[in-house]
Amino acid sequence: MADLNETFGYQIFTGARHPSRNKVLQIAFAMALTLKETNRALTAAGVNVLNCEDRRDAIIIFCIDRGCSLQKVNEELYRFDEETVS
């Protein structure tokens, strides 16, 4: 559901690879994490948390709050001419 290569996903969870912010977001949507849980995962990965003052992040936060799928968040980001998560 995260649209990640299985090996790459395994390496992230074992700590062998350090994911980008988008990869963490892909995993967060696949796991249906809350905003708090998503920001905690982003912090653990050493990348910036979601910031509602950033337009792209605000769209992502909106989608998290509504329980959207990864596909839906990508559709919304595309609709607003923002970089998709995957």
N, C-alpha and C. Protein backbone atom coordinates (compact mmCIF):
# COMPACT_ATOMS: atom_id res chain seq x y z
N MET A 1 0.82 -1.20 0.00
CA MET A 1 0.00 0.00 0.00
C MET A 1 0.86 1.27 0.00
N ALA A 2 2.11 1.17 0.43
CA ALA A 2 3.00 2.33 0.47
C ALA A 2 3.64 2.59 -0.88
N ASP A 3 3.42 1.70 -1.83
CA ASP A 3 4.00 1.84 -3.17
C ASP A 3 5.53 1.90 -3.10
N LEU A 4 6.09 1.04 -2.23
CA LEU A 4 7.55 0.94 -2.08
C LEU A 4 8.01 -0.45 -2.49
N ASN A 5 9.21 -0.54 -2.98
CA ASN A 5 9.83 -1.82 -3.24
C ASN A 5 9.94 -2.55 -1.90
N GLU A 6 9.58 -3.81 -1.87
CA GLU A 6 9.57 -4.59 -0.64
C GLU A 6 10.93 -4.60 0.05
N THR A 7 11.99 -4.78 -0.71
CA THR A 7 13.33 -4.80 -0.15
C THR A 7 13.69 -3.45 0.46
N PHE A 8 13.38 -2.38 -0.24
CA PHE A 8 13.66 -1.04 0.25
C PHE A 8 12.89 -0.77 1.55
N GLY A 9 11.63 -1.16 1.57
CA GLY A 9 10.81 -0.99 2.78
C GLY A 9 11.40 -1.76 3.96
N TYR A 10 11.84 -2.97 3.71
CA TYR A 10 12.45 -3.77 4.77
C TYR A 10 13.72 -3.09 5.29
N GLN A 11 14.52 -2.57 4.37
CA GLN A 11 15.77 -1.90 4.77
C GLN A 11 15.49 -0.64 5.60
N ILE A 12 14.41 0.05 5.31
CA ILE A 12 14.02 1.21 6.12
C ILE A 12 13.71 0.78 7.54
N PHE A 13 12.89 -0.26 7.67
CA PHE A 13 12.46 -0.71 9.00
C PHE A 13 13.58 -1.36 9.81
N THR A 14 14.60 -1.87 9.15
CA THR A 14 15.72 -2.45 9.89
C THR A 14 16.80 -1.42 10.18
N GLY A 15 16.65 -0.23 9.61
CA GLY A 15 17.63 0.83 9.85
C GLY A 15 18.80 0.82 8.90
N ALA A 16 18.77 -0.06 7.91
CA ALA A 16 19.87 -0.14 6.94
C ALA A 16 19.83 1.01 5.94
N ARG A 17 18.65 1.57 5.71
CA ARG A 17 18.49 2.69 4.78
C ARG A 17 17.77 3.83 5.50
N HIS A 18 18.10 5.04 5.12
CA HIS A 18 17.44 6.22 5.68
C HIS A 18 16.48 6.77 4.63
N PRO A 19 15.19 6.78 4.94
CA PRO A 19 14.21 7.20 3.94
C PRO A 19 14.15 8.71 3.76
N SER A 20 13.72 9.12 2.60
CA SER A 20 13.44 10.54 2.35
C SER A 20 12.13 10.90 3.03
N ARG A 21 11.84 12.16 3.07
CA ARG A 21 10.59 12.64 3.68
C ARG A 21 9.39 12.02 2.95
N ASN A 22 9.44 11.98 1.62
CA ASN A 22 8.32 11.41 0.87
C ASN A 22 8.13 9.92 1.15
N LYS A 23 9.22 9.19 1.32
CA LYS A 23 9.09 7.76 1.63
C LYS A 23 8.44 7.56 2.99
N VAL A 24 8.79 8.39 3.96
CA VAL A 24 8.15 8.31 5.28
C VAL A 24 6.67 8.61 5.15
N LEU A 25 6.33 9.60 4.34
CA LEU A 25 4.91 9.94 4.14
C LEU A 25 4.17 8.80 3.44
N GLN A 26 4.81 8.15 2.49
CA GLN A 26 4.19 7.00 1.83
C GLN A 26 3.85 5.92 2.86
N ILE A 27 4.79 5.64 3.73
CA ILE A 27 4.57 4.63 4.77
C ILE A 27 3.47 5.08 5.72
N ALA A 28 3.48 6.36 6.08
CA ALA A 28 2.47 6.89 6.99
C ALA A 28 1.06 6.73 6.42
N PHE A 29 0.89 7.02 5.13
CA PHE A 29 -0.43 6.86 4.52
C PHE A 29 -0.81 5.38 4.43
N ALA A 30 0.14 4.53 4.12
CA ALA A 30 -0.14 3.09 4.05
C ALA A 30 -0.56 2.54 5.41
N MET A 31 0.01 3.10 6.47
CA MET A 31 -0.31 2.64 7.82
C MET A 31 -1.49 3.41 8.43
N ALA A 32 -2.02 4.37 7.70
CA ALA A 32 -3.14 5.22 8.16
C ALA A 32 -2.80 5.89 9.50
N LEU A 33 -1.60 6.47 9.57
CA LEU A 33 -1.18 7.13 10.80
C LEU A 33 -1.91 8.45 10.98
N THR A 34 -2.05 8.87 12.23
CA THR A 34 -2.61 10.18 12.53
C THR A 34 -1.56 11.24 12.24
N LEU A 35 -1.94 12.50 12.33
CA LEU A 35 -0.99 13.58 12.12
C LEU A 35 0.12 13.53 13.17
N LYS A 36 -0.23 13.29 14.40
CA LYS A 36 0.77 13.20 15.47
C LYS A 36 1.74 12.05 15.21
N GLU A 37 1.21 10.89 14.83
CA GLU A 37 2.05 9.73 14.54
C GLU A 37 2.93 9.97 13.31
N THR A 38 2.37 10.63 12.31
CA THR A 38 3.14 10.94 11.10
C THR A 38 4.30 11.87 11.42
N ASN A 39 4.03 12.92 12.19
CA ASN A 39 5.10 13.85 12.57
C ASN A 39 6.15 13.16 13.43
N ARG A 40 5.73 12.23 14.25
CA ARG A 40 6.69 11.47 15.06
C ARG A 40 7.58 10.61 14.16
N ALA A 41 6.99 9.99 13.15
CA ALA A 41 7.77 9.18 12.21
C ALA A 41 8.73 10.06 11.41
N LEU A 42 8.27 11.23 11.01
CA LEU A 42 9.14 12.15 10.28
C LEU A 42 10.31 12.59 11.15
N THR A 43 10.04 12.89 12.41
CA THR A 43 11.09 13.28 13.34
C THR A 43 12.09 12.15 13.52
N ALA A 44 11.58 10.93 13.69
CA ALA A 44 12.46 9.76 13.87
C ALA A 44 13.35 9.55 12.65
N ALA A 45 12.85 9.93 11.47
CA ALA A 45 13.63 9.78 10.25
C ALA A 45 14.60 10.94 10.04
N GLY A 46 14.51 11.95 10.90
CA GLY A 46 15.42 13.07 10.80
C GLY A 46 15.07 14.07 9.71
N VAL A 47 13.80 14.14 9.36
CA VAL A 47 13.35 15.09 8.34
C VAL A 47 12.31 16.03 8.95
N ASN A 48 11.96 17.07 8.22
CA ASN A 48 11.03 18.07 8.73
C ASN A 48 9.63 17.51 8.93
N VAL A 49 9.00 17.93 10.03
CA VAL A 49 7.61 17.57 10.28
C VAL A 49 6.72 18.37 9.36
N LEU A 50 5.45 17.98 9.28
CA LEU A 50 4.50 18.71 8.45
C LEU A 50 4.20 20.06 9.07
N ASN A 51 4.14 21.08 8.24
CA ASN A 51 3.92 22.45 8.68
C ASN A 51 2.72 23.01 7.92
N CYS A 52 1.67 23.39 8.63
CA CYS A 52 0.45 23.85 7.97
C CYS A 52 0.65 25.17 7.22
N GLU A 53 1.73 25.87 7.46
CA GLU A 53 1.99 27.12 6.74
C GLU A 53 2.54 26.88 5.33
N ASP A 54 2.99 25.65 5.08
CA ASP A 54 3.46 25.26 3.75
C ASP A 54 2.26 24.69 2.99
N ARG A 55 2.02 25.20 1.78
CA ARG A 55 0.82 24.79 1.03
C ARG A 55 0.77 23.28 0.80
N ARG A 56 1.87 22.70 0.35
CA ARG A 56 1.90 21.25 0.09
C ARG A 56 1.63 20.48 1.37
N ASP A 57 2.29 20.88 2.45
CA ASP A 57 2.09 20.21 3.73
C ASP A 57 0.65 20.36 4.21
N ALA A 58 0.04 21.52 3.98
CA ALA A 58 -1.35 21.74 4.39
C ALA A 58 -2.29 20.78 3.67
N ILE A 59 -2.03 20.52 2.40
CA ILE A 59 -2.84 19.56 1.64
C ILE A 59 -2.65 18.16 2.22
N ILE A 60 -1.42 17.81 2.53
CA ILE A 60 -1.13 16.50 3.12
C ILE A 60 -1.81 16.36 4.48
N ILE A 61 -1.74 17.39 5.30
CA ILE A 61 -2.39 17.37 6.62
C ILE A 61 -3.90 17.20 6.45
N PHE A 62 -4.49 17.92 5.51
CA PHE A 62 -5.92 17.81 5.22
C PHE A 62 -6.27 16.35 4.91
N CYS A 63 -5.46 15.72 4.06
CA CYS A 63 -5.71 14.33 3.66
C CYS A 63 -5.52 13.36 4.83
N ILE A 64 -4.54 13.60 5.66
CA ILE A 64 -4.33 12.75 6.84
C ILE A 64 -5.54 12.83 7.75
N ASP A 65 -6.00 14.06 8.01
CA ASP A 65 -7.15 14.26 8.90
C ASP A 65 -8.41 13.57 8.39
N ARG A 66 -8.51 13.39 7.09
CA ARG A 66 -9.69 12.76 6.51
C ARG A 66 -9.50 11.28 6.19
N GLY A 67 -8.35 10.75 6.56
CA GLY A 67 -8.10 9.32 6.36
C GLY A 67 -7.96 8.91 4.91
N CYS A 68 -7.45 9.81 4.09
CA CYS A 68 -7.30 9.53 2.66
C CYS A 68 -6.20 8.49 2.41
N SER A 69 -6.31 7.85 1.27
CA SER A 69 -5.29 6.89 0.84
C SER A 69 -4.13 7.64 0.20
N LEU A 70 -3.05 6.94 -0.03
CA LEU A 70 -1.89 7.51 -0.72
C LEU A 70 -2.29 7.99 -2.11
N GLN A 71 -3.10 7.22 -2.79
CA GLN A 71 -3.56 7.60 -4.13
C GLN A 71 -4.36 8.90 -4.07
N LYS A 72 -5.22 9.04 -3.09
CA LYS A 72 -6.05 10.25 -2.97
C LYS A 72 -5.19 11.48 -2.67
N VAL A 73 -4.22 11.35 -1.77
CA VAL A 73 -3.36 12.50 -1.46
C VAL A 73 -2.57 12.92 -2.70
N ASN A 74 -2.10 11.95 -3.47
CA ASN A 74 -1.38 12.27 -4.70
C ASN A 74 -2.29 12.97 -5.70
N GLU A 75 -3.55 12.55 -5.78
CA GLU A 75 -4.51 13.20 -6.67
C GLU A 75 -4.74 14.66 -6.24
N GLU A 76 -4.87 14.87 -4.94
CA GLU A 76 -5.10 16.22 -4.43
C GLU A 76 -3.88 17.11 -4.66
N LEU A 77 -2.70 16.58 -4.42
CA LEU A 77 -1.48 17.35 -4.65
C LEU A 77 -1.35 17.71 -6.13
N TYR A 78 -1.63 16.77 -6.98
CA TYR A 78 -1.57 17.00 -8.43
C TYR A 78 -2.58 18.07 -8.84
N ARG A 79 -3.77 17.99 -8.28
CA ARG A 79 -4.85 18.94 -8.60
C ARG A 79 -4.44 20.37 -8.26
N PHE A 80 -3.67 20.52 -7.18
CA PHE A 80 -3.21 21.85 -6.77
C PHE A 80 -1.82 22.18 -7.30
N ASP A 81 -1.36 21.39 -8.26
CA ASP A 81 -0.06 21.62 -8.91
C ASP A 81 1.10 21.60 -7.92
N GLU A 82 1.05 20.65 -7.00
CA GLU A 82 2.11 20.45 -6.01
C GLU A 82 2.78 19.10 -6.29
N GLU A 83 4.00 18.94 -5.80
CA GLU A 83 4.73 17.68 -5.97
C GLU A 83 3.99 16.56 -5.24
N THR A 84 3.79 15.45 -5.93
CA THR A 84 3.12 14.31 -5.29
C THR A 84 4.06 13.62 -4.31
N VAL A 85 3.47 12.78 -3.45
CA VAL A 85 4.26 12.05 -2.46
C VAL A 85 5.02 10.92 -3.13
N SER A 86 4.37 10.23 -4.04
CA SER A 86 5.05 9.12 -4.75
C SER A 86 4.91 9.26 -6.24
